[in-house]
Amino acid sequence: ELSDASGDSPERVETALSLLGERFAEGRSGIV
C-alpha cells in the first residue's frame, strides 16, 4: 500500500521504513 501510494518500489519503501524505524524508535521519539 505504501509502494502504491508513494509511487515507489517495495524495496525502496522497505529501506525508507528502516530509516524511519531508527528515527522513530522507543526512547528516541515521542512516537514510535
PDB file of all heavy atoms in Angstrom:
ATOM      1  N   GLU A   1       0.833  -1.208   0.000  1.00  0.00           N
ATOM      2  CA  GLU A   1       0.000   0.000   0.000  1.00  0.00           C
ATOM      3  C   GLU A   1       0.867   1.258   0.000  1.00  0.00           C
ATOM      4  O   GLU A   1       0.567   2.237  -0.697  1.00  0.00           O
ATOM      5  CB  GLU A   1      -0.924   0.003   1.215  1.00  0.00           C
ATOM      6  CG  GLU A   1      -2.034  -1.041   1.134  1.00  0.00           C
ATOM      7  CD  GLU A   1      -2.776  -1.221   2.446  1.00  0.00           C
ATOM      8  OE1 GLU A   1      -2.143  -1.165   3.522  1.00  0.00           O
ATOM      9  OE2 GLU A   1      -4.013  -1.437   2.394  1.00  0.00           O
ATOM     10  N   LEU A   2       1.956   1.230   0.774  1.00  0.00           N
ATOM     11  CA  LEU A   2       2.874   2.374   0.798  1.00  0.00           C
ATOM     12  C   LEU A   2       3.559   2.552  -0.549  1.00  0.00           C
ATOM     13  O   LEU A   2       3.770   3.671  -1.008  1.00  0.00           O
ATOM     14  CB  LEU A   2       3.908   2.188   1.909  1.00  0.00           C
ATOM     15  CG  LEU A   2       3.378   2.319   3.336  1.00  0.00           C
ATOM     16  CD1 LEU A   2       4.408   1.804   4.339  1.00  0.00           C
ATOM     17  CD2 LEU A   2       2.990   3.759   3.649  1.00  0.00           C
ATOM     18  N   SER A   3       3.896   1.440  -1.193  1.00  0.00           N
ATOM     19  CA  SER A   3       4.525   1.480  -2.514  1.00  0.00           C
ATOM     20  C   SER A   3       3.570   2.087  -3.544  1.00  0.00           C
ATOM     21  O   SER A   3       3.956   2.965  -4.324  1.00  0.00           O
ATOM     22  CB  SER A   3       4.940   0.066  -2.931  1.00  0.00           C
ATOM     23  OG  SER A   3       5.446   0.053  -4.242  1.00  0.00           O
ATOM     24  N   ASP A   4       2.307   1.638  -3.527  1.00  0.00           N
ATOM     25  CA  ASP A   4       1.306   2.167  -4.466  1.00  0.00           C
ATOM     26  C   ASP A   4       1.090   3.661  -4.253  1.00  0.00           C
ATOM     27  O   ASP A   4       1.036   4.435  -5.207  1.00  0.00           O
ATOM     28  CB  ASP A   4      -0.021   1.427  -4.315  1.00  0.00           C
ATOM     29  CG  ASP A   4       0.045  -0.016  -4.813  1.00  0.00           C
ATOM     30  OD1 ASP A   4       1.007  -0.346  -5.549  1.00  0.00           O
ATOM     31  OD2 ASP A   4      -0.844  -0.798  -4.445  1.00  0.00           O
ATOM     32  N   ALA A   5       0.946   4.061  -2.989  1.00  0.00           N
ATOM     33  CA  ALA A   5       0.646   5.462  -2.681  1.00  0.00           C
ATOM     34  C   ALA A   5       1.819   6.380  -2.982  1.00  0.00           C
ATOM     35  O   ALA A   5       1.633   7.504  -3.460  1.00  0.00           O
ATOM     36  CB  ALA A   5       0.230   5.602  -1.216  1.00  0.00           C
ATOM     37  N   SER A   6       3.031   5.906  -2.724  1.00  0.00           N
ATOM     38  CA  SER A   6       4.215   6.749  -2.939  1.00  0.00           C
ATOM     39  C   SER A   6       4.719   6.693  -4.376  1.00  0.00           C
ATOM     40  O   SER A   6       5.511   7.533  -4.796  1.00  0.00           O
ATOM     41  CB  SER A   6       5.344   6.331  -1.992  1.00  0.00           C
ATOM     42  OG  SER A   6       5.802   5.015  -2.309  1.00  0.00           O
ATOM     43  N   GLY A   7       4.269   5.664  -5.123  1.00  0.00           N
ATOM     44  CA  GLY A   7       4.736   5.509  -6.497  1.00  0.00           C
ATOM     45  C   GLY A   7       6.172   5.027  -6.582  1.00  0.00           C
ATOM     46  O   GLY A   7       6.864   5.280  -7.567  1.00  0.00           O
ATOM     47  N   ASP A   8       6.618   4.337  -5.533  1.00  0.00           N
ATOM     48  CA  ASP A   8       7.999   3.862  -5.495  1.00  0.00           C
ATOM     49  C   ASP A   8       8.008   2.345  -5.300  1.00  0.00           C
ATOM     50  O   ASP A   8       6.986   1.746  -4.983  1.00  0.00           O
ATOM     51  CB  ASP A   8       8.771   4.551  -4.364  1.00  0.00           C
ATOM     52  CG  ASP A   8      10.202   4.876  -4.772  1.00  0.00           C
ATOM     53  OD1 ASP A   8      10.861   3.976  -5.334  1.00  0.00           O
ATOM     54  OD2 ASP A   8      10.650   6.007  -4.525  1.00  0.00           O
ATOM     55  N   SER A   9       9.166   1.732  -5.468  1.00  0.00           N
ATOM     56  CA  SER A   9       9.266   0.273  -5.395  1.00  0.00           C
ATOM     57  C   SER A   9       9.161  -0.227  -3.955  1.00  0.00           C
ATOM     58  O   SER A   9       9.559   0.484  -3.016  1.00  0.00           O
ATOM     59  CB  SER A   9      10.596  -0.197  -5.991  1.00  0.00           C
ATOM     60  OG  SER A   9      11.663   0.141  -5.114  1.00  0.00           O
ATOM     61  N   PRO A  10       8.657  -1.446  -3.762  1.00  0.00           N
ATOM     62  CA  PRO A  10       8.585  -2.023  -2.418  1.00  0.00           C
ATOM     63  C   PRO A  10       9.947  -2.104  -1.733  1.00  0.00           C
ATOM     64  O   PRO A  10      10.048  -1.902  -0.523  1.00  0.00           O
ATOM     65  CB  PRO A  10       8.008  -3.425  -2.657  1.00  0.00           C
ATOM     66  CG  PRO A  10       7.250  -3.314  -3.927  1.00  0.00           C
ATOM     67  CD  PRO A  10       8.022  -2.320  -4.763  1.00  0.00           C
ATOM     68  N   GLU A  11      11.012  -2.371  -2.519  1.00  0.00           N
ATOM     69  CA  GLU A  11      12.351  -2.470  -1.940  1.00  0.00           C
ATOM     70  C   GLU A  11      12.793  -1.128  -1.351  1.00  0.00           C
ATOM     71  O   GLU A  11      13.340  -1.058  -0.250  1.00  0.00           O
ATOM     72  CB  GLU A  11      13.371  -2.936  -2.997  1.00  0.00           C
ATOM     73  CG  GLU A  11      13.145  -4.358  -3.496  1.00  0.00           C
ATOM     74  CD  GLU A  11      12.003  -4.479  -4.495  1.00  0.00           C
ATOM     75  OE1 GLU A  11      11.617  -3.451  -5.107  1.00  0.00           O
ATOM     76  OE2 GLU A  11      11.472  -5.595  -4.647  1.00  0.00           O
ATOM     77  N   ARG A  12      12.546  -0.045  -2.100  1.00  0.00           N
ATOM     78  CA  ARG A  12      12.921   1.290  -1.601  1.00  0.00           C
ATOM     79  C   ARG A  12      12.032   1.701  -0.430  1.00  0.00           C
ATOM     80  O   ARG A  12      12.490   2.377   0.489  1.00  0.00           O
ATOM     81  CB  ARG A  12      12.875   2.313  -2.736  1.00  0.00           C
ATOM     82  CG  ARG A  12      14.099   2.196  -3.653  1.00  0.00           C
ATOM     83  CD  ARG A  12      14.022   3.109  -4.859  1.00  0.00           C
ATOM     84  NE  ARG A  12      13.484   4.422  -4.608  1.00  0.00           N
ATOM     85  CZ  ARG A  12      14.221   5.493  -4.286  1.00  0.00           C
ATOM     86  NH1 ARG A  12      15.524   5.384  -4.166  1.00  0.00           N
ATOM     87  NH2 ARG A  12      13.654   6.672  -4.102  1.00  0.00           N
ATOM     88  N   VAL A  13      10.770   1.283  -0.455  1.00  0.00           N
ATOM     89  CA  VAL A  13       9.872   1.570   0.673  1.00  0.00           C
ATOM     90  C   VAL A  13      10.401   0.896   1.938  1.00  0.00           C
ATOM     91  O   VAL A  13      10.419   1.501   3.018  1.00  0.00           O
ATOM     92  CB  VAL A  13       8.425   1.110   0.367  1.00  0.00           C
ATOM     93  CG1 VAL A  13       7.573   1.084   1.623  1.00  0.00           C
ATOM     94  CG2 VAL A  13       7.791   2.020  -0.685  1.00  0.00           C
ATOM     95  N   GLU A  14      10.855  -0.351   1.811  1.00  0.00           N
ATOM     96  CA  GLU A  14      11.401  -1.062   2.977  1.00  0.00           C
ATOM     97  C   GLU A  14      12.658  -0.372   3.503  1.00  0.00           C
ATOM     98  O   GLU A  14      12.859  -0.274   4.713  1.00  0.00           O
ATOM     99  CB  GLU A  14      11.678  -2.523   2.623  1.00  0.00           C
ATOM    100  CG  GLU A  14      10.407  -3.330   2.464  1.00  0.00           C
ATOM    101  CD  GLU A  14      10.662  -4.779   2.094  1.00  0.00           C
ATOM    102  OE1 GLU A  14      11.836  -5.152   1.876  1.00  0.00           O
ATOM    103  OE2 GLU A  14       9.684  -5.538   2.006  1.00  0.00           O
ATOM    104  N   THR A  15      13.494   0.134   2.601  1.00  0.00           N
ATOM    105  CA  THR A  15      14.686   0.883   3.019  1.00  0.00           C
ATOM    106  C   THR A  15      14.278   2.152   3.765  1.00  0.00           C
ATOM    107  O   THR A  15      14.849   2.488   4.809  1.00  0.00           O
ATOM    108  CB  THR A  15      15.550   1.246   1.791  1.00  0.00           C
ATOM    109  OG1 THR A  15      15.921   0.048   1.113  1.00  0.00           O
ATOM    110  CG2 THR A  15      16.794   2.004   2.208  1.00  0.00           C
ATOM    111  N   ALA A  16      13.269   2.845   3.232  1.00  0.00           N
ATOM    112  CA  ALA A  16      12.786   4.072   3.879  1.00  0.00           C
ATOM    113  C   ALA A  16      12.162   3.766   5.241  1.00  0.00           C
ATOM    114  O   ALA A  16      12.330   4.526   6.197  1.00  0.00           O
ATOM    115  CB  ALA A  16      11.779   4.778   2.972  1.00  0.00           C
ATOM    116  N   LEU A  17      11.467   2.635   5.349  1.00  0.00           N
ATOM    117  CA  LEU A  17      10.878   2.232   6.631  1.00  0.00           C
ATOM    118  C   LEU A  17      11.969   1.953   7.663  1.00  0.00           C
ATOM    119  O   LEU A  17      11.816   2.279   8.843  1.00  0.00           O
ATOM    120  CB  LEU A  17       9.985   0.998   6.447  1.00  0.00           C
ATOM    121  CG  LEU A  17       8.609   1.264   5.831  1.00  0.00           C
ATOM    122  CD1 LEU A  17       7.959  -0.055   5.415  1.00  0.00           C
ATOM    123  CD2 LEU A  17       7.709   2.017   6.801  1.00  0.00           C
ATOM    124  N   SER A  18      13.074   1.366   7.218  1.00  0.00           N
ATOM    125  CA  SER A  18      14.202   1.136   8.133  1.00  0.00           C
ATOM    126  C   SER A  18      14.752   2.454   8.654  1.00  0.00           C
ATOM    127  O   SER A  18      15.064   2.591   9.842  1.00  0.00           O
ATOM    128  CB  SER A  18      15.319   0.358   7.429  1.00  0.00           C
ATOM    129  OG  SER A  18      14.882  -0.926   7.084  1.00  0.00           O
ATOM    130  N   LEU A  19      14.841   3.422   7.768  1.00  0.00           N
ATOM    131  CA  LEU A  19      15.310   4.753   8.158  1.00  0.00           C
ATOM    132  C   LEU A  19      14.351   5.378   9.173  1.00  0.00           C
ATOM    133  O   LEU A  19      14.781   5.919  10.203  1.00  0.00           O
ATOM    134  CB  LEU A  19      15.420   5.631   6.912  1.00  0.00           C
ATOM    135  CG  LEU A  19      16.040   7.016   7.068  1.00  0.00           C
ATOM    136  CD1 LEU A  19      17.498   6.918   7.466  1.00  0.00           C
ATOM    137  CD2 LEU A  19      15.900   7.793   5.771  1.00  0.00           C
ATOM    138  N   LEU A  20      13.052   5.263   8.913  1.00  0.00           N
ATOM    139  CA  LEU A  20      12.049   5.803   9.835  1.00  0.00           C
ATOM    140  C   LEU A  20      12.067   5.035  11.164  1.00  0.00           C
ATOM    141  O   LEU A  20      11.853   5.631  12.228  1.00  0.00           O
ATOM    142  CB  LEU A  20      10.655   5.724   9.218  1.00  0.00           C
ATOM    143  CG  LEU A  20      10.339   6.709   8.098  1.00  0.00           C
ATOM    144  CD1 LEU A  20       8.979   6.425   7.499  1.00  0.00           C
ATOM    145  CD2 LEU A  20      10.403   8.145   8.601  1.00  0.00           C
ATOM    146  N   GLY A  21      12.316   3.735  11.090  1.00  0.00           N
ATOM    147  CA  GLY A  21      12.367   2.927  12.309  1.00  0.00           C
ATOM    148  C   GLY A  21      13.465   3.401  13.250  1.00  0.00           C
ATOM    149  O   GLY A  21      13.291   3.386  14.473  1.00  0.00           O
ATOM    150  N   GLU A  22      14.593   3.819  12.684  1.00  0.00           N
ATOM    151  CA  GLU A  22      15.678   4.351  13.510  1.00  0.00           C
ATOM    152  C   GLU A  22      15.315   5.723  14.078  1.00  0.00           C
ATOM    153  O   GLU A  22      15.588   6.019  15.233  1.00  0.00           O
ATOM    154  CB  GLU A  22      16.962   4.466  12.663  1.00  0.00           C
ATOM    155  CG  GLU A  22      17.531   3.129  12.246  1.00  0.00           C
ATOM    156  CD  GLU A  22      18.673   3.282  11.253  1.00  0.00           C
ATOM    157  OE1 GLU A  22      19.177   4.416  11.079  1.00  0.00           O
ATOM    158  OE2 GLU A  22      19.053   2.265  10.639  1.00  0.00           O
ATOM    159  N   ARG A  23      14.680   6.535  13.240  1.00  0.00           N
ATOM    160  CA  ARG A  23      14.316   7.890  13.659  1.00  0.00           C
ATOM    161  C   ARG A  23      13.226   7.869  14.727  1.00  0.00           C
ATOM    162  O   ARG A  23      13.250   8.657  15.667  1.00  0.00           O
ATOM    163  CB  ARG A  23      13.836   8.674  12.437  1.00  0.00           C
ATOM    164  CG  ARG A  23      13.633  10.165  12.669  1.00  0.00           C
ATOM    165  CD  ARG A  23      13.226  10.852  11.383  1.00  0.00           C
ATOM    166  NE  ARG A  23      14.202  10.645  10.333  1.00  0.00           N
ATOM    167  CZ  ARG A  23      13.930  10.754   9.019  1.00  0.00           C
ATOM    168  NH1 ARG A  23      12.718  11.062   8.632  1.00  0.00           N
ATOM    169  NH2 ARG A  23      14.869  10.551   8.130  1.00  0.00           N
ATOM    170  N   PHE A  24      12.245   6.968  14.559  1.00  0.00           N
ATOM    171  CA  PHE A  24      11.112   6.893  15.481  1.00  0.00           C
ATOM    172  C   PHE A  24      11.199   5.609  16.310  1.00  0.00           C
ATOM    173  O   PHE A  24      10.334   4.742  16.245  1.00  0.00           O
ATOM    174  CB  PHE A  24       9.785   6.944  14.715  1.00  0.00           C
ATOM    175  CG  PHE A  24       9.571   8.246  13.990  1.00  0.00           C
ATOM    176  CD1 PHE A  24       9.776   8.341  12.624  1.00  0.00           C
ATOM    177  CD2 PHE A  24       9.189   9.390  14.679  1.00  0.00           C
ATOM    178  CE1 PHE A  24       9.588   9.541  11.954  1.00  0.00           C
ATOM    179  CE2 PHE A  24       9.007  10.592  14.024  1.00  0.00           C
ATOM    180  CZ  PHE A  24       9.207  10.667  12.655  1.00  0.00           C
ATOM    181  N   ALA A  25      12.250   5.505  17.091  1.00  0.00           N
ATOM    182  CA  ALA A  25      12.467   4.335  17.940  1.00  0.00           C
ATOM    183  C   ALA A  25      12.091   4.669  19.380  1.00  0.00           C
ATOM    184  O   ALA A  25      12.153   5.832  19.798  1.00  0.00           O
ATOM    185  CB  ALA A  25      13.928   3.898  17.863  1.00  0.00           C
ATOM    186  N   GLU A  26      11.694   3.639  20.121  1.00  0.00           N
ATOM    187  CA  GLU A  26      11.384   3.816  21.548  1.00  0.00           C
ATOM    188  C   GLU A  26      12.592   4.435  22.239  1.00  0.00           C
ATOM    189  O   GLU A  26      13.715   4.000  22.066  1.00  0.00           O
ATOM    190  CB  GLU A  26      11.054   2.451  22.167  1.00  0.00           C
ATOM    191  CG  GLU A  26      10.370   2.520  23.509  1.00  0.00           C
ATOM    192  CD  GLU A  26       8.919   2.951  23.432  1.00  0.00           C
ATOM    193  OE1 GLU A  26       8.112   2.274  22.755  1.00  0.00           O
ATOM    194  OE2 GLU A  26       8.588   3.971  24.062  1.00  0.00           O
ATOM    195  N   GLY A  27      12.361   5.495  23.010  1.00  0.00           N
ATOM    196  CA  GLY A  27      13.442   6.165  23.720  1.00  0.00           C
ATOM    197  C   GLY A  27      14.076   7.315  22.956  1.00  0.00           C
ATOM    198  O   GLY A  27      14.801   8.111  23.523  1.00  0.00           O
ATOM    199  N   ARG A  28      13.789   7.397  21.646  1.00  0.00           N
ATOM    200  CA  ARG A  28      14.356   8.478  20.836  1.00  0.00           C
ATOM    201  C   ARG A  28      13.315   9.489  20.406  1.00  0.00           C
ATOM    202  O   ARG A  28      13.648  10.608  20.017  1.00  0.00           O
ATOM    203  CB  ARG A  28      15.010   7.908  19.575  1.00  0.00           C
ATOM    204  CG  ARG A  28      16.223   7.048  19.846  1.00  0.00           C
ATOM    205  CD  ARG A  28      16.925   6.713  18.570  1.00  0.00           C
ATOM    206  NE  ARG A  28      17.513   7.929  17.991  1.00  0.00           N
ATOM    207  CZ  ARG A  28      18.135   7.963  16.836  1.00  0.00           C
ATOM    208  NH1 ARG A  28      18.263   6.882  16.114  1.00  0.00           N
ATOM    209  NH2 ARG A  28      18.645   9.084  16.375  1.00  0.00           N
ATOM    210  N   SER A  29      12.034   9.072  20.439  1.00  0.00           N
ATOM    211  CA  SER A  29      10.972   9.921  19.905  1.00  0.00           C
ATOM    212  C   SER A  29       9.692   9.730  20.716  1.00  0.00           C
ATOM    213  O   SER A  29       9.509   8.698  21.368  1.00  0.00           O
ATOM    214  CB  SER A  29      10.724   9.553  18.432  1.00  0.00           C
ATOM    215  OG  SER A  29       9.587  10.213  17.929  1.00  0.00           O
ATOM    216  N   GLY A  30       8.825  10.716  20.651  1.00  0.00           N
ATOM    217  CA  GLY A  30       7.527  10.608  21.333  1.00  0.00           C
ATOM    218  C   GLY A  30       6.563   9.704  20.608  1.00  0.00           C
ATOM    219  O   GLY A  30       5.584   9.240  21.196  1.00  0.00           O
ATOM    220  N   ILE A  31       6.826   9.467  19.314  1.00  0.00           N
ATOM    221  CA  ILE A  31       6.034   8.483  18.575  1.00  0.00           C
ATOM    222  C   ILE A  31       6.969   7.395  18.077  1.00  0.00           C
ATOM    223  O   ILE A  31       8.149   7.630  17.837  1.00  0.00           O
ATOM    224  CB  ILE A  31       5.232   9.112  17.405  1.00  0.00           C
ATOM    225  CG1 ILE A  31       6.153   9.868  16.444  1.00  0.00           C
ATOM    226  CG2 ILE A  31       4.121  10.003  17.912  1.00  0.00           C
ATOM    227  CD1 ILE A  31       5.448  10.384  15.218  1.00  0.00           C
ATOM    228  N   VAL A  32       6.422   6.196  17.944  1.00  0.00           N
ATOM    229  CA  VAL A  32       7.225   5.019  17.608  1.00  0.00           C
ATOM    230  C   VAL A  32       6.627   4.342  16.383  1.00  0.00           C
ATOM    231  O   VAL A  32       5.404   4.176  16.295  1.00  0.00           O
ATOM    232  CB  VAL A  32       7.252   4.030  18.803  1.00  0.00           C
ATOM    233  CG1 VAL A  32       8.014   2.767  18.441  1.00  0.00           C
ATOM    234  CG2 VAL A  32       7.869   4.701  20.019  1.00  0.00           C
TER     235      VAL A  32
END
